[in-house]
């Protein structure tokens, strides 16, 4: 229920305040003065316009400040001795938005013009004109409105700084945890896997040198050791890929394609649009998608060709990796942490990922990453 009220107020709150102030000003104008009979259309129009202008106080606070001030001067000149309530709301909104100097300048101008407007309304006594102007816009009210706006602006700034500090602390702790895991993996696994791989290779070498048939189990151990070393190295690189090291990006993708060609894969790369100036988080995610996709093609797809297409549009960066492997239409993609990791990275940036067999055979991975609201994110 509270969330519903909050959403409704966020949507219609400015209108409620603007209409309420406009109605209050018009009623005050009707309650007395020479225009009580309702014949001064211009004066009533200025009363209503000064209040209704508050609808845009969140989007254009300085403009609203100027409009409400001119309306206050205008209906004072038309003979309406009505307090400049709308202008006080505009002062509060402008100071809250950080426009302090513009507010001070506009308020000085309004304070100077109000006595002149009172004289223009028909008053011949200068003292009475200044008294009417002072009643329309008390300096104390003006200071209070500005102080309230400044206090809320500072409170919001402190809240944003606290939120930013919490995010930076959480990111730093996550980076420290990644590095700790990388160190643990390196210390506990790298040595043992290296020993297994070296011993298996030595055993295979000795068996071949002596003319003996190498057991299939020994060859399997040798290959498993090599594969485990590659996987562990890739895992450690991913864990250490934080903001303290140069991030991988679009400029590094040609290296991935060239490496895939070294595996015997006929890999091609096509880039459309201007790939420069992309958010670092988007570039890093595209690199990981291409890396994981080409690795899967080389290891599992039994494919002869693979194509990487990157389309840099003004609002979206799209990447697509296709192969002509053995995946059949309608079959489910093989489960694995690589595909899950790609999906998590894309989702974290508000994008979409599709990984599925193609209708004409082979497999495709397609991702679209929005370029708005991604600055500063780390997938």
Protein backbone atom coordinates (compact mmCIF):
# COMPACT_ATOMS: atom_id res chain seq x y z
CA UNK A 1 0.00 0.00 0.00
CA UNK A 2 2.81 2.42 0.92
CA UNK A 3 4.61 1.65 -2.32
CA UNK A 4 1.41 2.40 -4.26
CA UNK A 5 0.96 5.76 -2.54
CA UNK A 6 4.62 6.60 -3.10
CA UNK A 7 4.36 5.79 -6.81
CA UNK A 8 1.16 7.80 -7.20
CA UNK A 9 2.70 10.81 -5.43
CA UNK A 10 5.84 10.61 -7.55
CA UNK A 11 3.66 10.67 -10.66
CA UNK A 12 1.04 13.26 -9.69
CA UNK A 13 2.56 15.11 -6.71
CA UNK A 14 3.76 18.12 -8.73
CA UNK A 15 0.32 18.53 -10.25
CA UNK A 16 -1.38 18.35 -6.85
CA UNK A 17 0.91 21.04 -5.43
CA UNK A 18 0.65 23.27 -8.52
CA UNK A 19 -3.14 23.10 -8.72
CA UNK A 20 -3.47 23.57 -4.97
CA UNK A 21 -1.27 26.68 -4.97
CA UNK A 22 -3.06 28.10 -8.02
CA UNK A 23 -6.49 27.59 -6.42
CA UNK A 24 -5.29 29.16 -3.16
CA UNK A 25 -3.94 32.21 -4.99
CA UNK A 26 -7.12 32.69 -7.01
CA UNK A 27 -9.32 32.34 -3.90
CA UNK A 28 -7.13 34.85 -2.05
CA UNK A 29 -7.46 37.24 -5.00
CA UNK A 30 -11.24 36.85 -4.96
CA UNK A 31 -11.46 37.53 -1.23
CA UNK A 32 -10.50 41.19 -1.42
CA UNK A 33 -9.00 44.06 -3.31
CA UNK A 34 -10.31 46.09 -6.22
CA UNK A 35 -10.53 43.00 -8.44
CA UNK A 36 -12.81 41.12 -6.06
CA UNK A 37 -15.64 41.32 -8.54
CA UNK A 38 -13.65 39.13 -10.85
CA UNK A 39 -13.38 41.58 -13.73
CA UNK A 40 -9.59 41.68 -13.97
CA UNK A 41 -8.99 38.68 -16.20
CA UNK A 42 -5.27 39.40 -16.60
CA UNK A 43 -4.69 39.49 -12.85
CA UNK A 44 -6.52 36.23 -12.24
CA UNK A 45 -4.68 34.68 -15.15
CA UNK A 46 -1.34 35.64 -13.59
CA UNK A 47 -2.44 34.25 -10.21
CA UNK A 48 -3.33 30.91 -11.80
CA UNK A 49 -0.26 30.83 -14.06
CA UNK A 50 2.10 31.47 -11.15
CA UNK A 51 0.73 28.42 -9.34
CA UNK A 52 0.42 26.11 -12.33
CA UNK A 53 4.01 26.83 -13.37
CA UNK A 54 5.09 24.76 -10.35
CA UNK A 55 4.28 21.60 -12.35
CA UNK A 56 7.68 21.93 -14.05
CA UNK A 57 9.69 22.87 -10.94
CA UNK A 58 11.49 19.53 -10.90
CA UNK A 59 12.45 19.62 -14.59
CA UNK A 60 13.15 23.34 -15.10
CA UNK A 61 13.51 24.99 -11.68
CA UNK A 62 15.19 28.19 -12.92
CA UNK A 63 12.53 28.77 -15.58
CA UNK A 64 9.75 28.20 -13.03
CA UNK A 65 11.53 30.62 -10.69
CA UNK A 66 11.49 33.34 -13.35
CA UNK A 67 7.88 32.68 -14.41
CA UNK A 68 6.48 32.63 -10.86
CA UNK A 69 8.42 35.79 -9.96
CA UNK A 70 7.14 37.67 -13.00
CA UNK A 71 3.59 36.50 -12.29
CA UNK A 72 3.88 37.76 -8.71
CA UNK A 73 5.06 41.16 -9.92
CA UNK A 74 2.34 41.17 -12.59
CA UNK A 75 -0.63 40.49 -10.36
CA UNK A 76 0.68 42.99 -7.79
CA UNK A 77 0.72 45.58 -10.56
CA UNK A 78 -2.84 44.56 -11.47
CA UNK A 79 -3.97 45.45 -7.97
CA UNK A 80 -4.01 42.01 -6.31
CA UNK A 81 -2.44 42.22 -2.85
CA UNK A 82 -1.72 38.45 -2.70
CA UNK A 83 1.36 36.85 -1.10
CA UNK A 84 3.87 35.38 -3.57
CA UNK A 85 3.36 31.82 -2.33
CA UNK A 86 4.16 30.23 -5.71
CA UNK A 87 7.47 32.08 -5.83
CA UNK A 88 8.45 30.65 -2.42
CA UNK A 89 7.81 27.13 -3.74
CA UNK A 90 9.93 27.98 -6.79
CA UNK A 91 12.75 29.27 -4.55
CA UNK A 92 12.69 26.03 -2.57
CA UNK A 93 12.84 23.90 -5.76
CA UNK A 94 15.63 25.97 -7.36
CA UNK A 95 17.87 25.89 -4.28
CA UNK A 96 17.22 22.18 -3.83
CA UNK A 97 18.42 21.67 -7.42
CA UNK A 98 21.64 23.54 -6.64
CA UNK A 99 20.83 26.84 -8.40
CA UNK A 100 21.66 29.07 -5.43
CA UNK A 101 23.20 32.03 -7.26
CA UNK A 102 20.38 32.20 -9.82
CA UNK A 103 17.87 32.13 -6.96
CA UNK A 104 19.59 34.97 -5.11
CA UNK A 105 19.75 37.09 -8.27
CA UNK A 106 16.10 36.44 -9.15
CA UNK A 107 14.97 37.19 -5.58
CA UNK A 108 16.81 40.50 -5.52
CA UNK A 109 15.10 41.48 -8.80
CA UNK A 110 11.66 40.46 -7.50
CA UNK A 111 12.17 42.35 -4.21
CA UNK A 112 13.08 45.48 -6.19
CA UNK A 113 10.16 45.15 -8.64
CA UNK A 114 7.41 44.47 -6.09
CA UNK A 115 7.29 48.03 -4.66
CA UNK A 116 7.30 49.41 -8.19
CA UNK A 117 4.43 47.07 -9.06
CA UNK A 118 2.52 48.28 -6.02
CA UNK A 119 2.98 51.90 -7.15
CA UNK A 120 1.83 50.92 -10.64
CA UNK A 121 -1.34 49.42 -9.17
CA UNK A 122 -2.52 52.89 -8.09
CA UNK A 123 -0.88 53.48 -4.73
CA UNK A 124 0.53 56.98 -4.43
CA UNK A 125 2.18 56.63 -1.04
CA UNK A 126 5.69 55.17 -1.32
CA UNK A 127 5.66 53.88 2.26
CA UNK A 128 2.37 52.08 1.67
CA UNK A 129 3.75 50.58 -1.56
CA UNK A 130 6.79 49.22 0.28
CA UNK A 131 4.56 47.86 3.05
CA UNK A 132 2.38 46.06 0.48
CA UNK A 133 5.47 44.63 -1.24
CA UNK A 134 6.84 43.49 2.10
CA UNK A 135 3.54 41.78 2.87
CA UNK A 136 3.56 40.03 -0.50
CA UNK A 137 7.08 38.64 -0.06
CA UNK A 138 8.58 38.72 3.41
CA UNK A 139 12.36 38.37 3.40
CA UNK A 140 12.05 35.93 6.30
CA UNK A 141 9.79 33.67 4.19
CA UNK A 142 12.26 33.93 1.34
CA UNK A 143 15.19 32.92 3.54
CA UNK A 144 13.21 30.07 5.08
CA UNK A 145 12.28 28.65 1.67
CA UNK A 146 15.87 28.86 0.48
CA UNK A 147 17.20 27.31 3.70
CA UNK A 148 14.73 24.42 3.45
CA UNK A 149 15.79 23.72 -0.12
CA UNK A 150 19.48 23.88 0.77
CA UNK A 151 19.02 21.58 3.78
CA UNK A 152 17.24 18.96 1.69
CA UNK A 153 19.84 19.27 -1.10
CA UNK A 154 22.65 18.61 1.36
CA UNK A 155 20.75 15.71 2.94
CA UNK A 156 20.22 14.12 -0.48
CA UNK A 157 23.91 14.68 -1.30
CA UNK A 158 24.97 12.95 1.91
CA UNK A 159 22.62 10.04 1.17
CA UNK A 160 24.04 9.67 -2.36
CA UNK A 161 27.60 9.80 -1.01
CA UNK A 162 26.78 7.16 1.60
CA UNK A 163 25.26 4.91 -1.08
CA UNK A 164 28.29 5.43 -3.30
CA UNK A 165 30.59 4.59 -0.41
CA UNK A 166 28.64 1.41 0.32
CA UNK A 167 28.86 0.34 -3.33
CA UNK A 168 32.60 1.04 -3.45
CA UNK A 169 33.13 -0.90 -0.22
CA UNK A 170 31.13 -3.85 -1.52
CA UNK A 171 33.05 -3.78 -4.82
CA UNK A 172 36.37 -3.64 -3.01
CA UNK A 173 35.42 -6.55 -0.78
CA UNK A 174 34.32 -8.55 -3.83
CA UNK A 175 37.66 -7.81 -5.53
CA UNK A 176 39.55 -8.86 -2.41
CA UNK A 177 37.53 -12.08 -2.21
CA UNK A 178 38.22 -12.85 -5.87
CA UNK A 179 41.93 -12.40 -5.35
CA UNK A 180 41.84 -14.53 -2.21
CA UNK A 181 40.08 -17.33 -4.09
CA UNK A 182 42.61 -17.03 -6.91
CA UNK A 183 45.49 -17.34 -4.46
CA UNK A 184 43.88 -20.34 -2.75
CA UNK A 185 43.31 -22.09 -6.07
CA UNK A 186 46.84 -21.34 -7.19
CA UNK A 187 48.41 -22.58 -3.95
CA UNK A 188 46.27 -25.70 -3.57
CA UNK A 189 45.81 -26.94 -7.13
CA UNK A 190 48.43 -25.59 -9.52
CA UNK A 191 51.34 -27.54 -8.05
CA UNK A 192 49.48 -30.86 -7.87
CA UNK A 193 48.10 -30.59 -11.40
CA UNK A 194 51.49 -29.62 -12.74
CA UNK A 195 53.05 -32.67 -11.06
CA UNK A 196 50.38 -34.97 -12.54
CA UNK A 197 50.85 -33.50 -16.01
CA UNK A 198 54.64 -33.66 -15.92
CA UNK A 199 54.70 -37.22 -14.56
CA UNK A 200 52.22 -38.40 -17.18
CA UNK A 201 54.21 -36.79 -20.00
CA UNK A 202 57.42 -38.34 -18.71
CA UNK A 203 55.78 -41.77 -18.50
CA UNK A 204 54.46 -41.47 -22.06
CA UNK A 205 57.86 -40.32 -23.31
CA UNK A 206 59.68 -43.21 -21.61
CA UNK A 207 57.19 -45.78 -22.88
CA UNK A 208 57.53 -44.57 -26.46
CA UNK A 209 61.31 -44.38 -26.18
CA UNK A 210 61.43 -48.02 -25.06
CA UNK A 211 59.13 -49.05 -27.89
CA UNK A 212 56.30 -50.00 -25.59
CA UNK A 213 52.64 -49.42 -26.28
CA UNK A 214 51.37 -46.45 -24.26
CA UNK A 215 48.32 -47.45 -22.20
CA UNK A 216 45.15 -45.57 -23.10
CA UNK A 217 44.62 -44.67 -19.45
CA UNK A 218 48.04 -42.96 -19.35
CA UNK A 219 47.23 -40.96 -22.48
CA UNK A 220 43.93 -39.96 -20.89
CA UNK A 221 45.75 -38.80 -17.74
CA UNK A 222 48.15 -36.78 -19.88
CA UNK A 223 45.36 -35.07 -21.79
CA UNK A 224 43.33 -34.48 -18.64
CA UNK A 225 46.35 -32.84 -17.00
CA UNK A 226 46.81 -30.49 -19.94
CA UNK A 227 43.11 -29.63 -19.99
CA UNK A 228 43.02 -29.07 -16.23
CA UNK A 229 46.02 -26.72 -16.50
CA UNK A 230 44.31 -24.70 -19.21
CA UNK A 231 41.03 -24.51 -17.29
CA UNK A 232 42.74 -23.52 -14.07
CA UNK A 233 44.77 -20.83 -15.83
CA UNK A 234 41.61 -19.40 -17.42
CA UNK A 235 39.82 -19.46 -14.06
CA UNK A 236 42.64 -17.64 -12.33
CA UNK A 237 42.74 -15.02 -15.09
CA UNK A 238 38.98 -14.46 -14.74
CA UNK A 239 39.22 -14.14 -10.96
CA UNK A 240 42.06 -11.66 -11.24
CA UNK A 241 40.33 -9.64 -13.96
CA UNK A 242 39.32 -6.71 -11.73
CA UNK A 243 39.63 -2.95 -11.97
CA UNK A 244 43.30 -3.04 -10.90
CA UNK A 245 44.37 -4.75 -14.14
CA UNK A 246 43.83 -3.52 -17.71
CA UNK A 247 40.43 -4.94 -18.72
CA UNK A 248 40.01 -7.02 -21.83
CA UNK A 249 37.82 -5.37 -24.44
CA UNK A 250 36.90 -5.10 -28.10
CA UNK A 251 40.49 -4.44 -29.16
CA UNK A 252 41.48 -7.89 -27.82
CA UNK A 253 38.85 -9.86 -29.74
CA UNK A 254 40.96 -10.22 -32.94
CA UNK A 255 43.51 -12.06 -30.76
CA UNK A 256 40.78 -14.51 -29.69
CA UNK A 257 39.82 -15.13 -33.32
CA UNK A 258 43.45 -15.65 -34.31
CA UNK A 259 43.90 -18.09 -31.45
CA UNK A 260 40.83 -20.02 -32.64
CA UNK A 261 42.41 -20.29 -36.09
CA UNK A 262 45.41 -21.84 -34.39
CA UNK A 263 43.10 -24.66 -33.25
CA UNK A 264 42.32 -25.42 -36.89
CA UNK A 265 39.04 -23.49 -36.90
CA UNK A 266 38.20 -21.28 -39.87
CA UNK A 267 37.19 -18.25 -37.77
CA UNK A 268 36.18 -14.82 -39.12
CA UNK A 269 35.51 -11.48 -37.44
CA UNK A 270 33.18 -8.74 -38.71
CA UNK A 271 32.77 -5.41 -36.91
CA UNK A 272 30.11 -2.90 -37.97
CA UNK A 273 29.81 0.64 -36.63
CA UNK A 274 32.25 2.55 -34.44
CA UNK A 275 33.57 0.35 -31.61
CA UNK A 276 35.35 3.19 -29.82
CA UNK A 277 34.20 4.85 -26.60
CA UNK A 278 32.14 1.91 -25.34
CA UNK A 279 31.61 1.45 -21.57
CA UNK A 280 34.33 -0.76 -20.08
CA UNK A 281 31.78 -3.15 -18.58
CA UNK A 282 30.17 -3.73 -22.00
CA UNK A 283 33.53 -4.29 -23.71
CA UNK A 284 34.61 -6.75 -21.01
CA UNK A 285 31.36 -8.68 -21.30
CA UNK A 286 31.57 -8.90 -25.10
CA UNK A 287 35.14 -10.17 -24.81
CA UNK A 288 34.07 -12.89 -22.37
CA UNK A 289 31.15 -13.93 -24.59
CA UNK A 290 33.38 -14.30 -27.64
CA UNK A 291 36.07 -16.06 -25.60
CA UNK A 292 33.69 -18.59 -24.08
CA UNK A 293 31.82 -19.15 -27.36
CA UNK A 294 34.98 -19.83 -29.39
CA UNK A 295 36.32 -22.09 -26.63
CA UNK A 296 33.10 -24.12 -26.69
CA UNK A 297 33.23 -24.33 -30.49
CA UNK A 298 36.80 -25.66 -30.42
CA UNK A 299 36.16 -28.15 -27.62
CA UNK A 300 32.64 -29.44 -28.15
CA UNK A 301 31.07 -28.40 -31.45
CA UNK A 302 33.16 -30.47 -33.90
CA UNK A 303 32.87 -27.47 -36.23
CA UNK A 304 34.94 -26.40 -39.21
CA UNK A 305 33.97 -22.72 -39.31
CA UNK A 306 32.93 -20.02 -36.87
CA UNK A 307 31.96 -16.39 -37.39
CA UNK A 308 32.01 -13.51 -34.93
CA UNK A 309 29.89 -10.44 -35.73
CA UNK A 310 29.91 -7.28 -33.61
CA UNK A 311 27.40 -4.53 -34.40
CA UNK A 312 28.01 -1.19 -32.65
CA UNK A 313 24.79 0.82 -32.73
CA UNK A 314 24.11 4.15 -30.97
CA UNK A 315 22.18 2.56 -28.10
CA UNK A 316 23.00 -1.16 -28.27
CA UNK A 317 26.08 -3.28 -28.86
CA UNK A 318 25.16 -6.64 -30.40
CA UNK A 319 27.47 -9.65 -30.66
CA UNK A 320 26.81 -12.93 -32.45
CA UNK A 321 28.94 -16.10 -32.68
CA UNK A 322 27.83 -18.84 -35.12
CA UNK A 323 29.38 -22.20 -35.97
CA UNK A 324 28.58 -25.10 -38.30
CA UNK A 325 29.03 -27.79 -35.66
CA UNK A 326 27.03 -30.86 -34.79
CA UNK A 327 24.26 -29.14 -32.78
CA UNK A 328 20.88 -30.20 -34.19
CA UNK A 329 17.82 -27.92 -34.43
CA UNK A 330 15.52 -28.30 -31.43
CA UNK A 331 18.16 -29.82 -29.16
CA UNK A 332 18.86 -28.23 -25.78
CA UNK A 333 22.18 -26.41 -25.34
CA UNK A 334 24.68 -28.39 -23.28
CA UNK A 335 24.63 -27.38 -19.61
CA UNK A 336 27.74 -25.78 -18.22
CA UNK A 337 29.15 -22.94 -16.17
CA UNK A 338 30.39 -21.11 -19.27
CA UNK A 339 26.91 -20.48 -20.66
CA UNK A 340 25.61 -19.65 -17.18
CA UNK A 341 28.42 -17.14 -16.67
CA UNK A 342 27.69 -15.45 -20.01
CA UNK A 343 24.00 -15.14 -19.13
CA UNK A 344 24.78 -13.67 -15.71
CA UNK A 345 27.14 -11.08 -17.19
CA UNK A 346 24.63 -10.00 -19.83
CA UNK A 347 21.74 -9.86 -17.37
CA UNK A 348 23.79 -7.75 -14.96
CA UNK A 349 24.04 -5.08 -17.67
CA UNK A 350 20.34 -5.22 -18.52
CA UNK A 351 20.92 -7.08 -21.79
CA UNK A 352 19.55 -10.22 -23.45
CA UNK A 353 21.30 -13.47 -24.38
CA UNK A 354 20.18 -16.30 -26.63
CA UNK A 355 22.20 -19.49 -27.01
CA UNK A 356 20.59 -22.21 -29.11
CA UNK A 357 21.05 -24.50 -32.13
CA UNK A 358 20.52 -22.90 -35.53
CA UNK A 359 17.78 -24.05 -37.89
CA UNK A 360 20.32 -24.93 -40.58
CA UNK A 361 22.66 -26.73 -38.18
CA UNK A 362 25.33 -25.55 -35.81
CA UNK A 363 25.02 -23.32 -32.80
CA UNK A 364 24.54 -19.58 -32.25
CA UNK A 365 25.15 -17.26 -29.34
CA UNK A 366 23.56 -13.82 -29.60
CA UNK A 367 23.67 -11.01 -27.06
CA UNK A 368 22.44 -7.42 -27.02
CA UNK A 369 23.87 -5.03 -24.44
CA UNK A 370 22.34 -1.58 -23.87
CA UNK A 371 24.87 1.23 -23.82
CA UNK A 372 22.84 3.47 -21.48
CA UNK A 373 23.17 3.16 -17.67
CA UNK A 374 26.15 0.81 -17.91
CA UNK A 375 28.93 3.20 -16.96
CA UNK A 376 30.58 2.07 -13.75
CA UNK A 377 29.08 -1.41 -13.67
CA UNK A 378 31.32 -4.43 -13.34
CA UNK A 379 29.68 -7.68 -14.50
